[in-house]
C-alpha atoms as a PDB file:
ATOM      1  CA  MET A   1     108.440 103.810 119.466  1.00  0.00           C
ATOM      2  CA  HIS A   2     108.269 101.012 121.988  1.00  0.00           C
ATOM      3  CA  GLY A   3     106.614 100.355 125.318  1.00  0.00           C
ATOM      4  CA  ALA A   4     108.459  97.595 127.184  1.00  0.00           C
ATOM      5  CA  GLY A   5     109.764  96.314 123.846  1.00  0.00           C
ATOM      6  CA  ASN A   6     106.326  96.223 122.180  1.00  0.00           C
ATOM      7  CA  ASP A   7     107.333  98.240 119.099  1.00  0.00           C
ATOM      8  CA  TYR A   8     105.010  99.973 116.662  1.00  0.00           C
ATOM      9  CA  ILE A   9     105.508 102.505 113.908  1.00  0.00           C
ATOM     10  CA  TYR A  10     103.611 105.720 114.677  1.00  0.00           C
ATOM     11  CA  ILE A  11     102.248 108.123 112.080  1.00  0.00           C
ATOM     12  CA  ASP A  12     100.994 111.605 112.949  1.00  0.00           C
ATOM     13  CA  ALA A  13      97.861 111.717 110.784  1.00  0.00           C
ATOM     14  CA  THR A  14      96.222 114.654 112.554  1.00  0.00           C
ATOM     15  CA  ARG A  15      96.366 116.620 109.276  1.00  0.00           C
ATOM     16  CA  LYS A  16      96.502 113.909 106.602  1.00  0.00           C
ATOM     17  CA  CYS A  17      95.950 110.165 106.795  1.00  0.00           C
ATOM     18  CA  PRO A  18      97.556 107.608 104.445  1.00  0.00           C
ATOM     19  CA  THR A  19      95.296 105.398 102.343  1.00  0.00           C
ATOM     20  CA  ASP A  20      94.858 101.617 102.593  1.00  0.00           C
ATOM     21  CA  LEU A  21      96.151 101.302 106.142  1.00  0.00           C
ATOM     22  CA  PRO A  22      95.979  97.462 106.308  1.00  0.00           C
ATOM     23  CA  SER A  23      98.275  97.153 103.288  1.00  0.00           C
ATOM     24  CA  LEU A  24     100.605  99.821 104.651  1.00  0.00           C
ATOM     25  CA  ALA A  25     100.753  98.000 108.001  1.00  0.00           C
ATOM     26  CA  ARG A  26     101.817  94.745 106.332  1.00  0.00           C
ATOM     27  CA  ARG A  27     104.502  96.422 104.238  1.00  0.00           C
ATOM     28  CA  ILE A  28     105.942  98.789 106.820  1.00  0.00           C
ATOM     29  CA  SER A  29     105.957  96.201 109.628  1.00  0.00           C
ATOM     30  CA  ASP A  30     107.971  93.652 107.651  1.00  0.00           C
ATOM     31  CA  ARG A  31     111.324  93.301 109.425  1.00  0.00           C
ATOM     32  CA  HIS A  32     113.156  92.439 106.183  1.00  0.00           C
ATOM     33  CA  PHE A  33     111.531  94.615 103.517  1.00  0.00           C
ATOM     34  CA  GLY A  34     110.036  97.361 105.704  1.00  0.00           C
ATOM     35  CA  ILE A  35     111.018  99.209 108.853  1.00  0.00           C
ATOM     36  CA  GLY A  36     110.043  96.306 111.093  1.00  0.00           C
ATOM     37  CA  ALA A  37     107.545  96.427 113.948  1.00  0.00           C
ATOM     38  CA  ASP A  38     104.748  94.592 115.735  1.00  0.00           C
ATOM     39  CA  GLY A  39     102.377  96.802 113.760  1.00  0.00           C
ATOM     40  CA  LEU A  40     101.281 100.286 112.736  1.00  0.00           C
ATOM     41  CA  VAL A  41      99.627 102.956 114.892  1.00  0.00           C
ATOM     42  CA  VAL A  42      97.972 106.016 113.369  1.00  0.00           C
ATOM     43  CA  ILE A  43      97.259 109.128 115.471  1.00  0.00           C
ATOM     44  CA  LEU A  44      94.148 110.937 114.249  1.00  0.00           C
ATOM     45  CA  PRO A  45      91.927 113.848 115.303  1.00  0.00           C
ATOM     46  CA  SER A  46      88.780 112.986 117.246  1.00  0.00           C
ATOM     47  CA  ASP A  47      85.361 114.569 117.671  1.00  0.00           C
ATOM     48  CA  ILE A  48      84.856 113.036 121.122  1.00  0.00           C
ATOM     49  CA  ALA A  49      88.357 112.926 122.657  1.00  0.00           C
ATOM     50  CA  ASP A  50      91.692 114.725 122.427  1.00  0.00           C
ATOM     51  CA  PHE A  51      92.995 112.212 119.855  1.00  0.00           C
ATOM     52  CA  ARG A  52      91.935 108.998 118.123  1.00  0.00           C
ATOM     53  CA  MET A  53      93.998 105.855 117.642  1.00  0.00           C
ATOM     54  CA  ARG A  54      93.789 103.261 114.916  1.00  0.00           C
ATOM     55  CA  MET A  55      96.171 100.352 115.185  1.00  0.00           C
ATOM     56  CA  PHE A  56      96.970  97.482 112.867  1.00  0.00           C
ATOM     57  CA  ASN A  57      98.838  94.294 113.586  1.00  0.00           C
ATOM     58  CA  ALA A  58     101.753  93.224 111.418  1.00  0.00           C
ATOM     59  CA  ASP A  59      99.384  91.058 109.342  1.00  0.00           C
ATOM     60  CA  GLY A  60      97.192  94.075 108.538  1.00  0.00           C
ATOM     61  CA  SER A  61      94.319  93.140 110.850  1.00  0.00           C
ATOM     62  CA  GLU A  62      92.923  96.034 112.884  1.00  0.00           C
ATOM     63  CA  ALA A  63      92.953  95.701 116.679  1.00  0.00           C
ATOM     64  CA  GLN A  64      90.574  97.350 119.114  1.00  0.00           C
ATOM     65  CA  MET A  65      93.079  98.423 121.738  1.00  0.00           C
ATOM     66  CA  CYS A  66      96.704  98.263 122.866  1.00  0.00           C
ATOM     67  CA  GLY A  67      97.902  99.494 126.242  1.00  0.00           C
ATOM     68  CA  ASN A  68     101.537  99.866 125.204  1.00  0.00           C
ATOM     69  CA  ALA A  69     100.578 101.798 122.079  1.00  0.00           C
ATOM     70  CA  SER A  70      98.311 104.066 124.131  1.00  0.00           C
ATOM     71  CA  ARG A  71     101.205 104.972 126.414  1.00  0.00           C
ATOM     72  CA  CYS A  72     103.419 105.716 123.434  1.00  0.00           C
ATOM     73  CA  ILE A  73     100.735 107.951 121.941  1.00  0.00           C
ATOM     74  CA  GLY A  74     100.584 109.866 125.224  1.00  0.00           C
ATOM     75  CA  LYS A  75     104.324 110.502 125.064  1.00  0.00           C
ATOM     76  CA  TYR A  76     104.201 111.321 121.351  1.00  0.00           C
ATOM     77  CA  VAL A  77     101.446 113.932 121.467  1.00  0.00           C
ATOM     78  CA  HIS A  78     102.920 115.654 124.537  1.00  0.00           C
ATOM     79  CA  ASP A  79     106.635 115.532 123.761  1.00  0.00           C
ATOM     80  CA  ARG A  80     106.098 116.421 120.078  1.00  0.00           C
ATOM     81  CA  GLY A  81     103.999 119.449 121.005  1.00  0.00           C
ATOM     82  CA  LEU A  82     100.572 118.298 119.796  1.00  0.00           C
ATOM     83  CA  THR A  83      99.192 119.030 123.284  1.00  0.00           C
ATOM     84  CA  GLU A  84     100.340 120.567 126.547  1.00  0.00           C
ATOM     85  CA  LYS A  85      97.965 118.383 128.553  1.00  0.00           C
ATOM     86  CA  THR A  86      99.240 115.738 130.958  1.00  0.00           C
ATOM     87  CA  GLU A  87      95.784 114.156 131.163  1.00  0.00           C
ATOM     88  CA  VAL A  88      94.851 113.041 127.653  1.00  0.00           C
ATOM     89  CA  SER A  89      91.724 111.296 126.369  1.00  0.00           C
ATOM     90  CA  LEU A  90      92.148 108.831 123.526  1.00  0.00           C
ATOM     91  CA  GLU A  91      89.401 107.432 121.315  1.00  0.00           C
ATOM     92  CA  THR A  92      89.855 103.743 120.442  1.00  0.00           C
ATOM     93  CA  LEU A  93      87.679 100.994 119.018  1.00  0.00           C
ATOM     94  CA  ALA A  94      87.358  99.803 122.625  1.00  0.00           C
ATOM     95  CA  GLY A  95      86.020 103.169 123.807  1.00  0.00           C
ATOM     96  CA  ILE A  96      87.690 106.285 125.191  1.00  0.00           C
ATOM     97  CA  LYS A  97      90.788 105.656 127.291  1.00  0.00           C
ATOM     98  CA  TYR A  98      92.350 108.174 129.669  1.00  0.00           C
ATOM     99  CA  LEU A  99      96.107 108.693 129.894  1.00  0.00           C
ATOM    100  CA  ASP A 100      97.882 110.221 132.883  1.00  0.00           C
ATOM    101  CA  LEU A 101     101.357 111.395 131.858  1.00  0.00           C
ATOM    102  CA  HIS A 102     104.189 111.463 134.405  1.00  0.00           C
ATOM    103  CA  LEU A 103     106.919 113.939 133.423  1.00  0.00           C
ATOM    104  CA  ASP A 104     110.626 113.976 134.263  1.00  0.00           C
ATOM    105  CA  GLU A 105     112.558 117.030 135.454  1.00  0.00           C
ATOM    106  CA  ASP A 106     113.021 118.165 131.837  1.00  0.00           C
ATOM    107  CA  GLY A 107     109.270 118.127 131.185  1.00  0.00           C
ATOM    108  CA  GLN A 108     109.410 115.011 128.990  1.00  0.00           C
ATOM    109  CA  THR A 109     107.082 112.056 129.455  1.00  0.00           C
ATOM    110  CA  GLU A 110     108.803 109.412 131.557  1.00  0.00           C
ATOM    111  CA  SER A 111     105.899 107.016 132.081  1.00  0.00           C
ATOM    112  CA  VAL A 112     102.162 106.855 131.450  1.00  0.00           C
ATOM    113  CA  THR A 113      99.245 105.388 133.399  1.00  0.00           C
ATOM    114  CA  VAL A 114      96.337 104.225 131.247  1.00  0.00           C
ATOM    115  CA  ASP A 115      92.810 103.699 132.551  1.00  0.00           C
ATOM    116  CA  MET A 116      92.067 100.476 130.680  1.00  0.00           C
ATOM    117  CA  GLY A 117      88.419 100.290 131.740  1.00  0.00           C
ATOM    118  CA  ILE A 118      86.636  97.434 133.500  1.00  0.00           C
ATOM    119  CA  PRO A 119      87.749  93.899 132.600  1.00  0.00           C
ATOM    120  CA  THR A 120      84.965  91.620 131.442  1.00  0.00           C
ATOM    121  CA  PHE A 121      84.557  87.896 131.890  1.00  0.00           C
ATOM    122  CA  GLN A 122      81.197  87.736 130.083  1.00  0.00           C
ATOM    123  CA  ALA A 123      81.513  85.316 127.179  1.00  0.00           C
ATOM    124  CA  ASP A 124      79.512  87.400 124.695  1.00  0.00           C
ATOM    125  CA  GLU A 125      81.532  90.517 125.506  1.00  0.00           C
ATOM    126  CA  ILE A 126      84.986  88.908 125.141  1.00  0.00           C
ATOM    127  CA  PRO A 127      83.862  87.112 122.822  1.00  0.00           C
ATOM    128  CA  VAL A 128      84.359  83.393 123.472  1.00  0.00           C
ATOM    129  CA  ILE A 129      82.123  80.359 122.961  1.00  0.00           C
ATOM    130  CA  LEU A 130      81.643  78.472 126.225  1.00  0.00           C
ATOM    131  CA  PRO A 131      80.778  74.779 126.505  1.00  0.00           C
ATOM    132  CA  PRO A 132      77.120  74.126 127.416  1.00  0.00           C
ATOM    133  CA  GLY A 133      76.496  74.853 131.081  1.00  0.00           C
ATOM    134  CA  GLN A 134      79.888  76.536 131.556  1.00  0.00           C
ATOM    135  CA  PRO A 135      79.542  79.658 133.753  1.00  0.00           C
ATOM    136  CA  ASP A 136      81.125  82.990 132.819  1.00  0.00           C
ATOM    137  CA  GLY A 137      84.353  83.798 134.638  1.00  0.00           C
ATOM    138  CA  SER A 138      85.745  80.277 134.857  1.00  0.00           C
ATOM    139  CA  PRO A 139      88.498  78.461 132.921  1.00  0.00           C
ATOM    140  CA  ILE A 140      87.543  76.335 129.934  1.00  0.00           C
ATOM    141  CA  GLY A 141      89.347  73.414 128.361  1.00  0.00           C
ATOM    142  CA  MET A 142      90.887  74.140 124.953  1.00  0.00           C
ATOM    143  CA  ARG A 143      92.726  71.516 122.950  1.00  0.00           C
ATOM    144  CA  ALA A 144      95.780  72.407 120.896  1.00  0.00           C
ATOM    145  CA  ALA A 145      97.420  69.483 119.091  1.00  0.00           C
ATOM    146  CA  ASP A 146      98.336  66.934 121.793  1.00  0.00           C
ATOM    147  CA  ARG A 147      97.590  69.137 124.822  1.00  0.00           C
ATOM    148  CA  LEU A 148      94.485  70.169 126.727  1.00  0.00           C
ATOM    149  CA  PHE A 149      94.847  73.599 128.329  1.00  0.00           C
ATOM    150  CA  GLN A 150      92.785  75.256 131.030  1.00  0.00           C
ATOM    151  CA  VAL A 151      92.265  78.749 129.633  1.00  0.00           C
ATOM    152  CA  MET A 152      90.732  81.697 131.486  1.00  0.00           C
ATOM    153  CA  PRO A 153      88.943  83.963 128.956  1.00  0.00           C
ATOM    154  CA  ALA A 154      89.072  87.708 129.647  1.00  0.00           C
ATOM    155  CA  GLY A 155      88.192  90.870 127.748  1.00  0.00           C
ATOM    156  CA  ILE A 156      90.238  94.092 128.008  1.00  0.00           C
ATOM    157  CA  GLY A 157      88.723  95.743 124.955  1.00  0.00           C
ATOM    158  CA  ASN A 158      90.033  92.743 123.002  1.00  0.00           C
ATOM    159  CA  PRO A 159      89.913  88.969 123.653  1.00  0.00           C
ATOM    160  CA  HIS A 160      92.481  87.148 125.799  1.00  0.00           C
ATOM    161  CA  GLY A 161      93.036  83.588 126.934  1.00  0.00           C
ATOM    162  CA  VAL A 162      95.170  83.302 130.075  1.00  0.00           C
ATOM    163  CA  ILE A 163      97.023  80.089 130.968  1.00  0.00           C
ATOM    164  CA  PHE A 164      98.818  79.686 134.304  1.00  0.00           C
ATOM    165  CA  THR A 165     101.890  77.501 133.896  1.00  0.00           C
ATOM    166  CA  ASP A 166     105.485  77.138 135.062  1.00  0.00           C
ATOM    167  CA  ASP A 167     106.544  76.355 131.492  1.00  0.00           C
ATOM    168  CA  LEU A 168     107.365  79.559 129.580  1.00  0.00           C
ATOM    169  CA  SER A 169     109.584  77.804 127.049  1.00  0.00           C
ATOM    170  CA  ASP A 170     109.694  78.556 123.329  1.00  0.00           C
ATOM    171  CA  GLU A 171     108.162  75.141 122.744  1.00  0.00           C
ATOM    172  CA  MET A 172     105.165  76.148 124.839  1.00  0.00           C
ATOM    173  CA  VAL A 173     104.673  79.736 123.648  1.00  0.00           C
ATOM    174  CA  LEU A 174     105.671  79.434 119.992  1.00  0.00           C
ATOM    175  CA  GLY A 175     104.324  75.930 119.577  1.00  0.00           C
ATOM    176  CA  TYR A 176     100.920  76.218 121.222  1.00  0.00           C
ATOM    177  CA  GLY A 177     100.334  79.993 121.057  1.00  0.00           C
ATOM    178  CA  PRO A 178      99.284  80.100 117.389  1.00  0.00           C
ATOM    179  CA  LEU A 179      97.104  77.010 117.772  1.00  0.00           C
ATOM    180  CA  LEU A 180      95.259  78.494 120.744  1.00  0.00           C
ATOM    181  CA  GLU A 181      94.947  81.890 119.029  1.00  0.00           C
ATOM    182  CA  ASN A 182      93.042  80.238 116.205  1.00  0.00           C
ATOM    183  CA  CYS A 183      90.968  77.852 118.319  1.00  0.00           C
ATOM    184  CA  THR A 184      87.347  77.778 117.126  1.00  0.00           C
ATOM    185  CA  ASP A 185      86.195  78.805 120.616  1.00  0.00           C
ATOM    186  CA  TRP A 186      87.312  82.356 119.711  1.00  0.00           C
ATOM    187  CA  PRO A 187      84.978  83.938 117.124  1.00  0.00           C
ATOM    188  CA  GLU A 188      87.517  86.761 116.557  1.00  0.00           C
ATOM    189  CA  LYS A 189      90.679  84.798 117.428  1.00  0.00           C
ATOM    190  CA  SER A 190      92.465  85.727 120.660  1.00  0.00           C
ATOM    191  CA  ASN A 191      95.642  86.883 122.338  1.00  0.00           C
ATOM    192  CA  ILE A 192      97.136  84.099 124.474  1.00  0.00           C
ATOM    193  CA  GLU A 193      99.030  84.718 127.730  1.00  0.00           C
ATOM    194  CA  PHE A 194     101.304  82.166 129.416  1.00  0.00           C
ATOM    195  CA  VAL A 195     101.704  83.215 133.054  1.00  0.00           C
ATOM    196  CA  ARG A 196     104.137  82.019 135.716  1.00  0.00           C
ATOM    197  CA  VAL A 197     103.299  83.141 139.244  1.00  0.00           C
ATOM    198  CA  ILE A 198     106.307  84.417 141.218  1.00  0.00           C
ATOM    199  CA  SER A 199     104.268  85.592 144.221  1.00  0.00           C
ATOM    200  CA  PRO A 200     100.722  86.871 144.850  1.00  0.00           C
ATOM    201  CA  GLU A 201     102.039  90.336 143.829  1.00  0.00           C
ATOM    202  CA  GLU A 202     104.290  89.415 140.894  1.00  0.00           C
ATOM    203  CA  VAL A 203     104.074  87.368 137.689  1.00  0.00           C
ATOM    204  CA  GLU A 204     106.129  86.620 134.599  1.00  0.00           C
ATOM    205  CA  VAL A 205     104.237  86.603 131.293  1.00  0.00           C
ATOM    206  CA  ARG A 206     104.932  85.681 127.691  1.00  0.00           C
ATOM    207  CA  VAL A 207     102.324  86.704 125.117  1.00  0.00           C
ATOM    208  CA  TRP A 208     101.330  85.253 121.773  1.00  0.00           C
ATOM    209  CA  GLU A 209      99.570  88.263 120.265  1.00  0.00           C
ATOM    210  CA  ARG A 210      96.705  87.888 117.812  1.00  0.00           C
ATOM    211  CA  GLY A 211      97.860  88.892 114.347  1.00  0.00           C
ATOM    212  CA  SER A 212     101.473  89.603 115.350  1.00  0.00           C
ATOM    213  CA  GLY A 213     102.955  86.481 116.943  1.00  0.00           C
ATOM    214  CA  GLU A 214     105.007  86.714 120.121  1.00  0.00           C
ATOM    215  CA  THR A 215     105.666  90.292 121.198  1.00  0.00           C
ATOM    216  CA  MET A 216     108.086  91.592 123.814  1.00  0.00           C
ATOM    217  CA  ALA A 217     105.177  92.978 125.839  1.00  0.00           C
ATOM    218  CA  CYS A 218     101.420  93.475 125.671  1.00  0.00           C
ATOM    219  CA  GLY A 219      99.579  95.982 127.852  1.00  0.00           C
ATOM    220  CA  THR A 220      96.137  94.449 127.514  1.00  0.00           C
ATOM    221  CA  GLY A 221      97.740  91.025 127.967  1.00  0.00           C
ATOM    222  CA  ALA A 222      99.347  92.143 131.224  1.00  0.00           C
ATOM    223  CA  CYS A 223      95.957  93.437 132.408  1.00  0.00           C
ATOM    224  CA  ALA A 224      94.198  90.220 131.387  1.00  0.00           C
ATOM    225  CA  SER A 225      96.806  88.094 133.182  1.00  0.00           C
ATOM    226  CA  VAL A 226      96.434  90.037 136.428  1.00  0.00           C
ATOM    227  CA  ALA A 227      92.631  90.210 136.264  1.00  0.00           C
ATOM    228  CA  ALA A 228      92.396  86.462 135.592  1.00  0.00           C
ATOM    229  CA  GLY A 229      94.772  85.706 138.454  1.00  0.00           C
ATOM    230  CA  ILE A 230      92.794  87.821 140.900  1.00  0.00           C
ATOM    231  CA  MET A 231      89.491  86.318 139.754  1.00  0.00           C
ATOM    232  CA  LEU A 232      90.879  82.826 140.355  1.00  0.00           C
ATOM    233  CA  GLY A 233      92.317  83.746 143.758  1.00  0.00           C
ATOM    234  CA  ILE A 234      95.896  83.188 142.590  1.00  0.00           C
ATOM    235  CA  LEU A 235      96.928  86.863 142.894  1.00  0.00           C
ATOM    236  CA  SER A 236      96.151  89.508 145.502  1.00  0.00           C
ATOM    237  CA  PRO A 237      93.943  92.481 144.537  1.00  0.00           C
ATOM    238  CA  GLY A 238      95.961  95.702 144.213  1.00  0.00           C
ATOM    239  CA  ARG A 239      99.256  96.519 142.531  1.00  0.00           C
ATOM    240  CA  ILE A 240     100.879  93.640 140.658  1.00  0.00           C
ATOM    241  CA  LYS A 241     104.271  93.630 138.938  1.00  0.00           C
ATOM    242  CA  VAL A 242     104.210  92.009 135.513  1.00  0.00           C
ATOM    243  CA  ARG A 243     107.565  90.981 134.086  1.00  0.00           C
ATOM    244  CA  MET A 244     107.510  90.631 130.318  1.00  0.00           C
ATOM    245  CA  ARG A 245     110.346  89.943 127.904  1.00  0.00           C
ATOM    246  CA  GLY A 246     110.662  93.659 127.105  1.00  0.00           C
ATOM    247  CA  GLY A 247     110.478  95.016 130.630  1.00  0.00           C
ATOM    248  CA  LEU A 248     108.352  95.633 133.701  1.00  0.00           C
ATOM    249  CA  LEU A 249     104.741  96.828 133.730  1.00  0.00           C
ATOM    250  CA  GLU A 250     102.609  97.607 136.774  1.00  0.00           C
ATOM    251  CA  ILE A 251      98.926  96.726 136.909  1.00  0.00           C
ATOM    252  CA  ASP A 252      96.521  97.986 139.562  1.00  0.00           C
ATOM    253  CA  TRP A 253      93.166  96.212 139.908  1.00  0.00           C
ATOM    254  CA  ARG A 254      90.994  96.001 143.000  1.00  0.00           C
ATOM    255  CA  GLY A 255      88.586  93.359 141.771  1.00  0.00           C
ATOM    256  CA  PRO A 256      85.334  92.743 139.839  1.00  0.00           C
ATOM    257  CA  GLY A 257      83.513  95.871 138.687  1.00  0.00           C
ATOM    258  CA  GLU A 258      86.578  98.073 139.252  1.00  0.00           C
ATOM    259  CA  ARG A 259      88.641  99.818 136.584  1.00  0.00           C
ATOM    260  CA  ILE A 260      92.084  98.439 135.806  1.00  0.00           C
ATOM    261  CA  PHE A 261      95.147 100.678 135.433  1.00  0.00           C
ATOM    262  CA  LEU A 262      98.337 100.046 133.469  1.00  0.00           C
ATOM    263  CA  THR A 263     101.578 101.957 134.142  1.00  0.00           C
ATOM    264  CA  GLY A 264     104.822 101.732 132.203  1.00  0.00           C
ATOM    265  CA  GLY A 265     107.378 103.608 130.170  1.00  0.00           C
ATOM    266  CA  ALA A 266     107.342 104.701 126.538  1.00  0.00           C
ATOM    267  CA  SER A 267     110.379 105.430 124.377  1.00  0.00           C
ATOM    268  CA  PHE A 268     111.268 106.881 120.996  1.00  0.00           C
ATOM    269  CA  ILE A 269     113.497 104.683 118.819  1.00  0.00           C
ATOM    270  CA  ALA A 270     113.911 106.642 115.588  1.00  0.00           C
ATOM    271  CA  GLU A 271     112.066 108.861 113.139  1.00  0.00           C
ATOM    272  CA  GLY A 272     112.338 109.394 109.428  1.00  0.00           C
ATOM    273  CA  THR A 273     110.747 109.013 106.024  1.00  0.00           C
ATOM    274  CA  TYR A 274     109.290 105.780 104.669  1.00  0.00           C
ATOM    275  CA  TYR A 275     109.140 105.525 100.876  1.00  0.00           C
ATOM    276  CA  ARG A 276     106.034 103.500 100.215  1.00  0.00           C
ATOM    277  CA  SER A 277     106.263 101.031  97.351  1.00  0.00           C
ATOM    278  CA  GLU A 278     103.106 100.285  95.412  1.00  0.00           C
END
């Protein structure tokens, strides 16, 4: 499945879960020797929500949360008959998320709105290491090779570093993205967003995703970009269009202390049997 081009392989593990999920994620996500994807998402039963999600990046590392994957899970569990609900709760490592499914005239899920929680700019919650005397909620200087970047740290259940720039070239994203992801200021590494402002209500974003490289879209990255822009006074509170390489997402955030909402489509690509090699 994919959400705005952010593609993951989804396994219905509500009855039986595969073993060694990190290894499986690495093998199955390989675009030459596996199916090919940004990672692996496993749908599990939950004791505290309707379903539980575990997700692994293409390198096998487990991530706390993914907005695009959450939307795809909403479509999967409804359209594949695992639930009749159009309001679905989903347990993640970043807490319980709530999905509001919007159906088309045939009763299939056309788009999903995800309550992504309250963005945090507290260094210990993101987490990020601030320079001495640096206040929470302000950009910090991070050096990558020959460049010094002003990076706005943000937490959307996982760490993000947002950079506002007019340069969204491959040289910028592919060259500096991996260096900034692995900067020692991030105790758990970080997703890196490069954001070009079109207007106070619209941005274009390219994302270097922790553990996966550049992806066509990133739901938490879209949220982080908008939240950072509003905090810095660059964007207007409210509904913001986020144009990513894989498509359009809509983010709704009213400001500090408020919950942030992500809306976008979700699509099936294919289904079948994967023969796991040991």
